[in-house]
Amino acid sequence: MSMLEMGYLSFPILLGMIFLRAPIGLAMMLCGMGGLYFAMGGSTMVLAKLKNETYSTFSSYSLTIIPMFLLMGQFATLSGMSSALFKAAESWLGHRRGGVAMAAVGACAGFGAICGSSLATAATMSRVALPELRQYGYAGGFSTATLAAGGTLGILIPPSVILVIYAILTEQNIAKLFLAAFVPGILAAIGYMITISLYVRVNPKSAGTRPPVPMAERIKAMMDVWPVVLVFGLVVGGIYLGWFTPTEGAAVGAAGTGVIALVSGNLNWQVFKESIIATATSTAMIFFIVLGAGFYNSFLALTQVPQELSSWVVGQGFSSWTVLILILAFYLVFGCLMDSLSMILLTIPIFFPVIQALDFGMSPEHVAIWFGILVLIVVEVGLITPPVGMNLFIINAMDRSTPMVETYKAVMWFVSSDLIRVVILVLFPAITLFLIP
């Protein structure tokens, strides 16, 4: 069996292990180590690779940004920022038709700007917004679908852990990726609010109303969100202006949200230890997947599968846009079955060389950034798409009274909004790139 045939054979084996519920990191590591064993003809090189790959992966300075952003999200959850964001958005939007749901989406966007995790955003905002949605007569499926969709803004609006992983895999500038994600993230929030407005007009019994809030209370509520503006401006603005590196920015953000949580009275020694443990647990999970992907990608590089696939696609004469659409369709389908981090780590080393070999009339850097944002969006759609939408399960676990099928029905409205946004960003790359120098 040739090296190339071994590389192609590894795909069905890997997918089989994943569908048998093997942890994705373990599945990629076993496929990579097994492939290297047969390719190199023995265990000596595999054991040497185990030592070198582990050290080179975990000694990477770039990866230190991940635990810092995760810790920032933990502290942000404790500091009461989520409640302040929701109250501010609700004071301005709550009296409108579907306004409390719109406020939840706005609060998710604001919290995503200091969290970087979709699941954390969905879980945190659900604790804050679900009681209010119930109080004002919002239908269960509509409420849970809104919060599941709003949670996806956590990985799109910078800072984003998934974007950091993409930047490392493709050797792109993290600050430029954060900047490129900003406008699509705002468009996502606006699109969800428009979706809510249409939904409550088609289904008027799905949402109640609440009385308007006096202007003085609205202004006070807006003033209470200053910590979010401060942290976001300091982290993202500081990174882009060159005041500090992305890793330093993440550390500054974690320290800042920690101080805010301490001042707010929500952080004591026990809670601090729990935050550190939760951060360490999430970091270990992500790093193990990264390590498994490193082994598998080393095996693929040895077999020349990415290069051969790229050459084959170019040689077929397909248009660049056809190839891009097929890749995005692949992400949409498999995003329903796999989590976003696993999808990025598994597919980017294969698809990225293909995209770089195509001509979109842009510089390679702009193509890489634009493609990264598109991938992030379609992977994000997988978080709310049945049957394996992780955000849907998170929200359902917090609202057992709502049947999952009701959430499925309502969330398809938000999926439609996402698909329309993908089409717009594909047709008009300048929307993503106009802030990039």
Protein backbone atom coordinates (compact mmCIF):
# COMPACT_ATOMS: atom_id res chain seq x y z
CA MET A 1 0.00 0.00 0.00
CA SER A 2 1.38 3.40 -0.97
CA MET A 3 1.72 6.31 1.44
CA LEU A 4 -1.03 8.20 -0.36
CA GLU A 5 -3.41 5.23 -0.10
CA MET A 6 -2.66 4.98 3.63
CA GLY A 7 -3.54 8.65 4.01
CA TYR A 8 -6.88 8.25 2.25
CA LEU A 9 -7.68 5.07 4.22
CA SER A 10 -7.17 6.96 7.49
CA PHE A 11 -10.25 9.13 6.88
CA PRO A 12 -12.93 6.41 7.11
CA ILE A 13 -11.08 4.87 10.06
CA LEU A 14 -11.03 8.21 11.87
CA LEU A 15 -14.69 8.95 11.13
CA GLY A 16 -15.64 5.44 12.26
CA MET A 17 -13.90 5.95 15.60
CA ILE A 18 -15.63 9.32 16.04
CA PHE A 19 -19.08 7.90 15.29
CA LEU A 20 -18.36 5.11 17.78
CA ARG A 21 -18.01 7.95 20.32
CA ALA A 22 -14.26 7.80 20.79
CA PRO A 23 -12.99 11.19 22.03
CA ILE A 24 -11.95 13.22 18.98
CA GLY A 25 -8.48 13.95 20.38
CA LEU A 26 -7.85 10.28 21.12
CA ALA A 27 -9.20 9.21 17.70
CA MET A 28 -6.87 11.60 15.85
CA MET A 29 -3.89 10.62 18.00
CA LEU A 30 -4.44 6.89 17.43
CA CYS A 31 -4.91 7.35 13.69
CA GLY A 32 -1.82 9.53 13.51
CA MET A 33 0.38 7.24 15.58
CA GLY A 34 -0.89 4.13 13.79
CA GLY A 35 -0.30 5.73 10.41
CA LEU A 36 3.20 6.84 11.39
CA TYR A 37 3.95 3.35 12.68
CA PHE A 38 3.12 1.70 9.35
CA ALA A 39 4.59 4.53 7.27
CA MET A 40 7.91 4.56 9.11
CA GLY A 41 8.11 0.80 9.60
CA GLY A 42 8.47 0.62 13.37
CA SER A 43 7.83 2.09 16.80
CA THR A 44 11.15 3.88 17.31
CA MET A 45 10.24 6.90 15.18
CA VAL A 46 6.70 6.95 16.59
CA LEU A 47 8.00 7.11 20.17
CA ALA A 48 10.44 9.84 19.19
CA LYS A 49 7.57 11.71 17.53
CA LEU A 50 5.50 11.31 20.71
CA LYS A 51 8.21 13.04 22.71
CA ASN A 52 8.96 15.80 20.21
CA GLU A 53 5.35 16.53 19.22
CA THR A 54 4.21 16.78 22.83
CA TYR A 55 6.98 19.18 23.74
CA SER A 56 6.69 21.34 20.63
CA THR A 57 2.90 21.59 21.00
CA PHE A 58 2.71 22.50 24.65
CA SER A 59 5.73 24.79 24.62
CA SER A 60 4.15 26.96 21.94
CA TYR A 61 3.86 30.55 23.17
CA SER A 62 0.85 31.15 20.93
CA LEU A 63 -1.24 28.53 22.74
CA THR A 64 -0.92 30.34 26.07
CA ILE A 65 -3.58 32.75 24.85
CA ILE A 66 -6.23 30.03 25.20
CA PRO A 67 -6.21 29.55 29.01
CA MET A 68 -6.06 33.33 29.45
CA PHE A 69 -9.20 33.89 27.37
CA LEU A 70 -10.94 30.98 29.11
CA LEU A 71 -10.07 32.44 32.51
CA MET A 72 -11.34 35.84 31.36
CA GLY A 73 -14.64 34.20 30.48
CA GLN A 74 -14.82 32.53 33.91
CA PHE A 75 -14.23 35.83 35.71
CA ALA A 76 -16.67 37.66 33.42
CA THR A 77 -19.36 35.15 34.38
CA LEU A 78 -18.73 35.80 38.07
CA SER A 79 -18.54 39.58 37.88
CA GLY A 80 -22.22 40.15 37.08
CA MET A 81 -21.44 41.52 33.61
CA SER A 82 -23.99 39.20 32.00
CA SER A 83 -26.81 40.55 34.18
CA ALA A 84 -25.79 44.16 33.55
CA LEU A 85 -25.68 43.59 29.80
CA PHE A 86 -29.11 41.96 29.72
CA LYS A 87 -30.72 44.65 31.88
CA ALA A 88 -29.27 47.41 29.70
CA ALA A 89 -30.47 45.77 26.48
CA GLU A 90 -33.86 44.95 27.99
CA SER A 91 -34.40 48.53 29.19
CA TRP A 92 -34.09 49.79 25.60
CA LEU A 93 -35.71 46.91 23.69
CA GLY A 94 -37.92 45.02 26.14
CA HIS A 95 -41.14 46.95 25.44
CA ARG A 96 -41.04 46.15 21.72
CA ARG A 97 -42.66 43.09 20.18
CA GLY A 98 -40.12 40.32 20.79
CA GLY A 99 -37.97 42.90 22.60
CA VAL A 100 -36.91 40.71 25.55
CA ALA A 101 -35.62 38.08 23.11
CA MET A 102 -33.80 40.83 21.17
CA ALA A 103 -32.30 42.00 24.45
CA ALA A 104 -31.04 38.47 25.11
CA VAL A 105 -29.32 38.44 21.71
CA GLY A 106 -27.79 41.87 22.35
CA ALA A 107 -26.55 40.75 25.76
CA CYS A 108 -25.07 37.59 24.21
CA ALA A 109 -23.20 39.76 21.71
CA GLY A 110 -21.82 41.95 24.48
CA PHE A 111 -20.87 39.00 26.66
CA GLY A 112 -19.29 37.22 23.70
CA ALA A 113 -16.98 40.22 23.34
CA ILE A 114 -15.34 39.33 26.66
CA CYS A 115 -15.86 35.57 26.80
CA GLY A 116 -14.76 33.86 23.57
CA SER A 117 -16.71 30.66 24.19
CA SER A 118 -20.06 29.83 22.65
CA LEU A 119 -21.09 27.26 25.24
CA ALA A 120 -20.15 29.57 28.13
CA THR A 121 -22.07 32.45 26.56
CA ALA A 122 -25.17 30.31 26.03
CA ALA A 123 -25.08 28.84 29.53
CA THR A 124 -24.40 32.15 31.28
CA MET A 125 -27.00 34.19 29.42
CA SER A 126 -29.60 31.43 29.87
CA ARG A 127 -29.38 31.76 33.64
CA VAL A 128 -29.98 35.50 33.30
CA ALA A 129 -32.53 35.69 30.47
CA LEU A 130 -34.69 32.54 30.75
CA PRO A 131 -36.57 33.68 33.87
CA GLU A 132 -37.38 37.03 32.21
CA LEU A 133 -38.52 35.35 29.01
CA ARG A 134 -40.81 33.05 30.99
CA GLN A 135 -42.17 35.95 33.05
CA TYR A 136 -43.27 37.88 29.97
CA GLY A 137 -44.95 34.96 28.24
CA TYR A 138 -42.39 33.89 25.64
CA ALA A 139 -42.91 30.39 24.26
CA GLY A 140 -40.48 27.80 25.57
CA GLY A 141 -39.12 26.67 22.19
CA PHE A 142 -38.73 30.24 20.97
CA SER A 143 -36.90 31.24 24.17
CA THR A 144 -34.46 28.33 24.10
CA ALA A 145 -33.83 28.72 20.36
CA THR A 146 -33.09 32.43 20.82
CA LEU A 147 -30.56 31.79 23.58
CA ALA A 148 -28.93 28.91 21.69
CA ALA A 149 -28.50 31.12 18.61
CA GLY A 150 -27.33 34.09 20.68
CA GLY A 151 -24.72 31.88 22.32
CA THR A 152 -23.02 31.31 18.97
CA LEU A 153 -21.97 34.96 19.02
CA GLY A 154 -19.45 33.98 21.69
CA ILE A 155 -17.13 32.38 19.13
CA LEU A 156 -17.66 34.94 16.39
CA ILE A 157 -17.33 38.30 18.12
CA PRO A 158 -13.69 38.65 19.18
CA PRO A 159 -11.90 37.52 21.21
CA SER A 160 -12.57 33.96 20.03
CA VAL A 161 -10.75 30.78 21.03
CA ILE A 162 -11.64 29.13 17.71
CA LEU A 163 -10.13 32.05 15.76
CA VAL A 164 -6.94 31.70 17.80
CA ILE A 165 -6.72 28.02 16.83
CA TYR A 166 -7.34 28.88 13.17
CA ALA A 167 -4.66 31.58 13.29
CA ILE A 168 -2.13 29.12 14.71
CA LEU A 169 -2.95 26.41 12.17
CA THR A 170 -2.74 28.78 9.19
CA GLU A 171 0.00 31.07 10.56
CA GLN A 172 -2.17 34.19 10.27
CA ASN A 173 -2.17 37.38 12.32
CA ILE A 174 -4.53 36.97 15.29
CA ALA A 175 -5.21 40.71 15.59
CA LYS A 176 -6.29 40.94 11.93
CA LEU A 177 -8.58 37.93 12.31
CA PHE A 178 -10.20 39.52 15.37
CA LEU A 179 -10.71 42.73 13.43
CA ALA A 180 -12.17 40.88 10.43
CA ALA A 181 -14.66 39.03 12.66
CA PHE A 182 -16.05 42.20 14.20
CA VAL A 183 -18.40 43.33 11.39
CA PRO A 184 -19.72 39.80 10.61
CA GLY A 185 -20.37 39.42 14.33
CA ILE A 186 -22.42 42.60 14.44
CA LEU A 187 -24.28 41.49 11.31
CA ALA A 188 -25.06 38.19 13.05
CA ALA A 189 -26.59 39.97 16.04
CA ILE A 190 -28.63 42.27 13.78
CA GLY A 191 -29.75 39.30 11.68
CA TYR A 192 -30.94 37.43 14.77
CA MET A 193 -32.92 40.47 15.93
CA ILE A 194 -34.58 40.77 12.51
CA THR A 195 -35.36 37.04 12.70
CA ILE A 196 -36.99 37.53 16.10
CA SER A 197 -39.05 40.42 14.74
CA LEU A 198 -40.31 38.28 11.84
CA TYR A 199 -40.95 35.25 14.06
CA VAL A 200 -43.18 37.10 16.53
CA ARG A 201 -45.20 38.58 13.67
CA VAL A 202 -45.79 35.16 12.15
CA ASN A 203 -46.38 33.63 15.61
CA PRO A 204 -47.88 36.47 17.68
CA LYS A 205 -48.73 34.20 20.63
CA SER A 206 -45.08 33.20 21.08
CA ALA A 207 -44.07 36.44 22.83
CA GLY A 208 -45.64 38.72 25.41
CA THR A 209 -44.89 42.36 26.14
CA ARG A 210 -43.51 44.31 29.06
CA PRO A 211 -44.04 47.94 30.03
CA PRO A 212 -41.54 50.58 28.84
CA VAL A 213 -38.72 51.57 31.17
CA PRO A 214 -38.29 55.26 32.09
CA MET A 215 -35.45 57.04 30.31
CA ALA A 216 -33.58 57.65 33.57
CA GLU A 217 -33.47 53.91 34.27
CA ARG A 218 -32.31 53.22 30.70
CA ILE A 219 -29.40 55.61 31.06
CA LYS A 220 -28.47 54.12 34.44
CA ALA A 221 -28.57 50.61 32.97
CA MET A 222 -26.28 51.72 30.14
CA MET A 223 -23.82 53.17 32.63
CA ASP A 224 -23.65 49.82 34.43
CA VAL A 225 -22.07 48.09 31.42
CA TRP A 226 -18.89 50.20 31.50
CA PRO A 227 -16.75 47.20 32.65
CA VAL A 228 -17.63 45.33 29.44
CA VAL A 229 -16.72 48.32 27.25
CA LEU A 230 -13.51 48.84 29.21
CA VAL A 231 -12.34 45.21 29.01
CA PHE A 232 -13.26 44.79 25.34
CA GLY A 233 -11.67 48.10 24.34
CA LEU A 234 -8.53 47.39 26.32
CA VAL A 235 -8.06 43.83 25.03
CA VAL A 236 -9.04 44.10 21.36
CA GLY A 237 -8.03 47.75 20.98
CA GLY A 238 -4.73 47.17 22.75
CA ILE A 239 -3.91 44.18 20.56
CA TYR A 240 -4.74 46.02 17.34
CA LEU A 241 -2.90 49.20 18.33
CA GLY A 242 0.21 47.19 19.20
CA TRP A 243 0.24 47.99 22.90
CA PHE A 244 0.69 44.31 23.63
CA THR A 245 0.68 40.92 21.92
CA PRO A 246 -2.52 38.80 21.78
CA THR A 247 -1.24 36.67 24.66
CA GLU A 248 -0.47 39.74 26.74
CA GLY A 249 -3.87 41.16 25.83
CA ALA A 250 -5.56 37.99 27.02
CA ALA A 251 -3.64 38.18 30.30
CA VAL A 252 -4.64 41.83 30.73
CA GLY A 253 -8.27 40.90 30.04
CA ALA A 254 -8.19 38.04 32.54
CA ALA A 255 -6.63 40.26 35.20
CA GLY A 256 -9.10 43.07 34.48
CA THR A 257 -12.21 40.87 34.69
CA GLY A 258 -10.77 39.24 37.83
CA VAL A 259 -10.42 42.65 39.51
CA ILE A 260 -13.96 43.60 38.44
CA ALA A 261 -15.32 40.32 39.85
CA LEU A 262 -13.41 40.97 43.10
CA VAL A 263 -14.69 44.53 43.42
CA SER A 264 -18.26 43.39 42.70
CA GLY A 265 -18.02 41.04 45.67
CA ASN A 266 -18.54 37.88 43.63
CA LEU A 267 -14.99 36.56 43.86
CA ASN A 268 -13.68 34.86 46.98
CA TRP A 269 -10.97 32.27 47.48
CA GLN A 270 -13.29 29.29 46.94
CA VAL A 271 -14.77 30.75 43.75
CA PHE A 272 -11.29 31.68 42.54
CA LYS A 273 -10.14 28.07 42.94
CA GLU A 274 -13.22 26.81 41.11
CA SER A 275 -12.52 29.24 38.26
CA ILE A 276 -8.91 28.06 37.98
CA ILE A 277 -9.99 24.40 38.00
CA ALA A 278 -12.68 25.00 35.36
CA THR A 279 -10.18 26.87 33.19
CA ALA A 280 -7.59 24.12 33.61
CA THR A 281 -10.15 21.44 32.71
CA SER A 282 -11.26 23.24 29.55
CA THR A 283 -7.65 24.00 28.59
CA ALA A 284 -6.63 20.36 29.05
CA MET A 285 -9.49 19.23 26.82
CA ILE A 286 -8.57 21.70 24.08
CA PHE A 287 -4.85 20.98 24.32
CA PHE A 288 -5.39 17.23 24.09
CA ILE A 289 -7.42 17.71 20.91
CA VAL A 290 -4.65 19.97 19.57
CA LEU A 291 -2.04 17.31 20.39
CA GLY A 292 -4.09 14.57 18.69
CA ALA A 293 -4.53 16.81 15.65
CA GLY A 294 -0.78 17.42 15.59
CA PHE A 295 -0.07 13.69 15.27
CA TYR A 296 -2.72 13.15 12.64
CA ASN A 297 -1.65 16.18 10.61
CA SER A 298 1.98 15.04 10.74
CA PHE A 299 0.90 11.72 9.28
CA LEU A 300 -1.13 13.45 6.55
CA ALA A 301 1.81 15.69 5.70
CA LEU A 302 4.01 12.61 5.36
CA THR A 303 1.52 10.97 2.98
CA GLN A 304 1.20 14.18 0.91
CA VAL A 305 -2.62 13.94 0.98
CA PRO A 306 -3.24 17.72 1.33
CA GLN A 307 -0.85 18.54 -1.50
CA GLU A 308 -2.26 15.83 -3.77
CA LEU A 309 -5.82 16.91 -3.03
CA SER A 310 -4.95 20.53 -3.79
CA SER A 311 -3.30 19.58 -7.08
CA TRP A 312 -6.25 17.37 -8.03
CA VAL A 313 -8.82 20.10 -7.37
CA VAL A 314 -6.83 22.68 -9.36
CA GLY A 315 -6.34 20.20 -12.20
CA GLN A 316 -10.07 19.50 -12.52
CA GLY A 317 -10.72 23.02 -13.71
CA PHE A 318 -13.41 23.76 -11.11
CA SER A 319 -14.00 27.45 -10.53
CA SER A 320 -12.67 28.85 -7.28
CA TRP A 321 -16.19 29.75 -6.14
CA THR A 322 -17.50 26.23 -6.80
CA VAL A 323 -14.76 24.73 -4.64
CA LEU A 324 -15.42 27.26 -1.87
CA ILE A 325 -19.15 26.52 -1.88
CA LEU A 326 -18.52 22.76 -1.73
CA ILE A 327 -16.16 23.20 1.23
CA LEU A 328 -18.65 25.40 3.09
CA ALA A 329 -21.42 22.88 2.38
CA PHE A 330 -19.19 20.16 3.84
CA TYR A 331 -18.76 22.21 7.02
CA LEU A 332 -22.51 22.77 7.27
CA VAL A 333 -23.27 19.04 7.01
CA PHE A 334 -20.53 17.74 9.29
CA GLY A 335 -21.01 20.64 11.69
CA CYS A 336 -24.31 18.97 12.59
CA LEU A 337 -22.36 15.93 13.81
CA MET A 338 -19.09 17.28 15.29
CA ASP A 339 -18.09 20.11 17.60
CA SER A 340 -16.53 23.26 16.14
CA LEU A 341 -13.01 22.85 17.56
CA SER A 342 -12.70 19.30 16.27
CA MET A 343 -13.92 20.35 12.83
CA ILE A 344 -11.36 23.16 12.61
CA LEU A 345 -8.43 21.02 13.74
CA LEU A 346 -9.37 18.10 11.51
CA THR A 347 -10.17 19.91 8.28
CA ILE A 348 -8.17 23.13 8.05
CA PRO A 349 -4.83 21.36 7.34
CA ILE A 350 -6.60 19.64 4.41
CA PHE A 351 -8.78 22.42 3.01
CA PHE A 352 -6.52 25.41 3.59
CA PRO A 353 -3.88 24.39 0.98
CA VAL A 354 -6.74 23.89 -1.51
CA ILE A 355 -8.13 27.39 -0.89
CA GLN A 356 -4.66 28.95 -1.08
CA ALA A 357 -4.12 27.36 -4.50
CA LEU A 358 -7.25 29.00 -5.94
CA ASP A 359 -7.63 32.47 -7.39
CA PHE A 360 -10.21 34.76 -5.78
CA GLY A 361 -8.67 38.01 -6.98
CA MET A 362 -7.25 38.79 -3.52
CA SER A 363 -3.91 38.51 -1.78
CA PRO A 364 -3.16 35.17 -0.05
CA GLU A 365 -3.44 36.86 3.36
CA HIS A 366 -6.87 38.33 2.58
CA VAL A 367 -8.07 34.98 1.23
CA ALA A 368 -6.88 33.25 4.41
CA ILE A 369 -8.64 35.77 6.67
CA TRP A 370 -11.85 35.78 4.63
CA PHE A 371 -11.95 31.98 4.48
CA GLY A 372 -11.33 31.78 8.23
CA ILE A 373 -14.33 33.99 9.01
CA LEU A 374 -16.55 32.02 6.61
CA VAL A 375 -15.49 28.73 8.19
CA LEU A 376 -16.08 30.14 11.67
CA ILE A 377 -19.62 31.14 10.71
CA VAL A 378 -20.62 27.83 9.11
CA VAL A 379 -19.08 25.88 11.98
CA GLU A 380 -21.03 28.16 14.34
CA VAL A 381 -24.24 27.16 12.52
CA GLY A 382 -23.48 23.56 13.48
CA LEU A 383 -23.81 24.54 17.15
CA ILE A 384 -27.53 25.16 16.66
CA THR A 385 -28.33 22.62 13.92
CA PRO A 386 -30.02 19.30 14.78
CA PRO A 387 -29.27 16.55 15.58
CA VAL A 388 -26.04 17.41 17.43
CA GLY A 389 -26.24 21.13 18.15
CA MET A 390 -24.18 21.56 21.32
CA ASN A 391 -25.83 24.88 22.24
CA LEU A 392 -29.26 23.27 21.93
CA PHE A 393 -28.32 20.60 24.46
CA ILE A 394 -26.84 23.18 26.84
CA ILE A 395 -30.02 25.27 26.79
CA ASN A 396 -32.29 22.22 26.98
CA ALA A 397 -30.44 21.03 30.09
CA MET A 398 -31.31 24.36 31.73
CA ASP A 399 -34.98 24.27 30.67
CA ARG A 400 -36.23 20.69 30.98
CA SER A 401 -39.85 21.81 30.64
CA THR A 402 -39.42 22.66 26.95
CA PRO A 403 -39.43 19.66 24.56
CA MET A 404 -36.37 19.53 22.35
CA VAL A 405 -38.55 19.28 19.23
CA GLU A 406 -40.01 22.73 19.99
CA THR A 407 -36.51 24.18 20.16
CA TYR A 408 -35.62 22.46 16.88
CA LYS A 409 -38.60 24.04 15.11
CA ALA A 410 -37.85 27.58 16.31
CA VAL A 411 -34.08 27.43 15.84
CA MET A 412 -34.41 26.78 12.10
CA TRP A 413 -35.44 30.42 11.72
CA PHE A 414 -32.05 31.43 13.12
CA VAL A 415 -30.25 28.88 10.94
CA SER A 416 -31.90 30.51 7.92
CA SER A 417 -30.57 33.88 9.07
CA ASP A 418 -27.07 32.40 9.32
CA LEU A 419 -27.25 30.92 5.83
CA ILE A 420 -28.33 34.25 4.36
CA ARG A 421 -25.39 35.92 6.11
CA VAL A 422 -22.97 33.32 4.70
CA VAL A 423 -24.24 34.02 1.17
CA ILE A 424 -23.79 37.77 1.67
CA LEU A 425 -20.24 37.40 3.00
CA VAL A 426 -19.30 35.03 0.17
CA LEU A 427 -20.63 37.43 -2.46
CA PHE A 428 -19.12 40.53 -0.83
CA PRO A 429 -15.72 39.72 0.74
CA ALA A 430 -15.14 43.45 1.34
CA ILE A 431 -17.62 43.32 4.24
CA THR A 432 -15.14 41.10 6.06
CA LEU A 433 -11.93 42.69 4.81
CA PHE A 434 -12.52 46.43 4.63
CA LEU A 435 -11.01 47.00 8.11
CA ILE A 436 -7.89 44.96 7.29
CA PRO A 437 -4.90 47.10 6.15
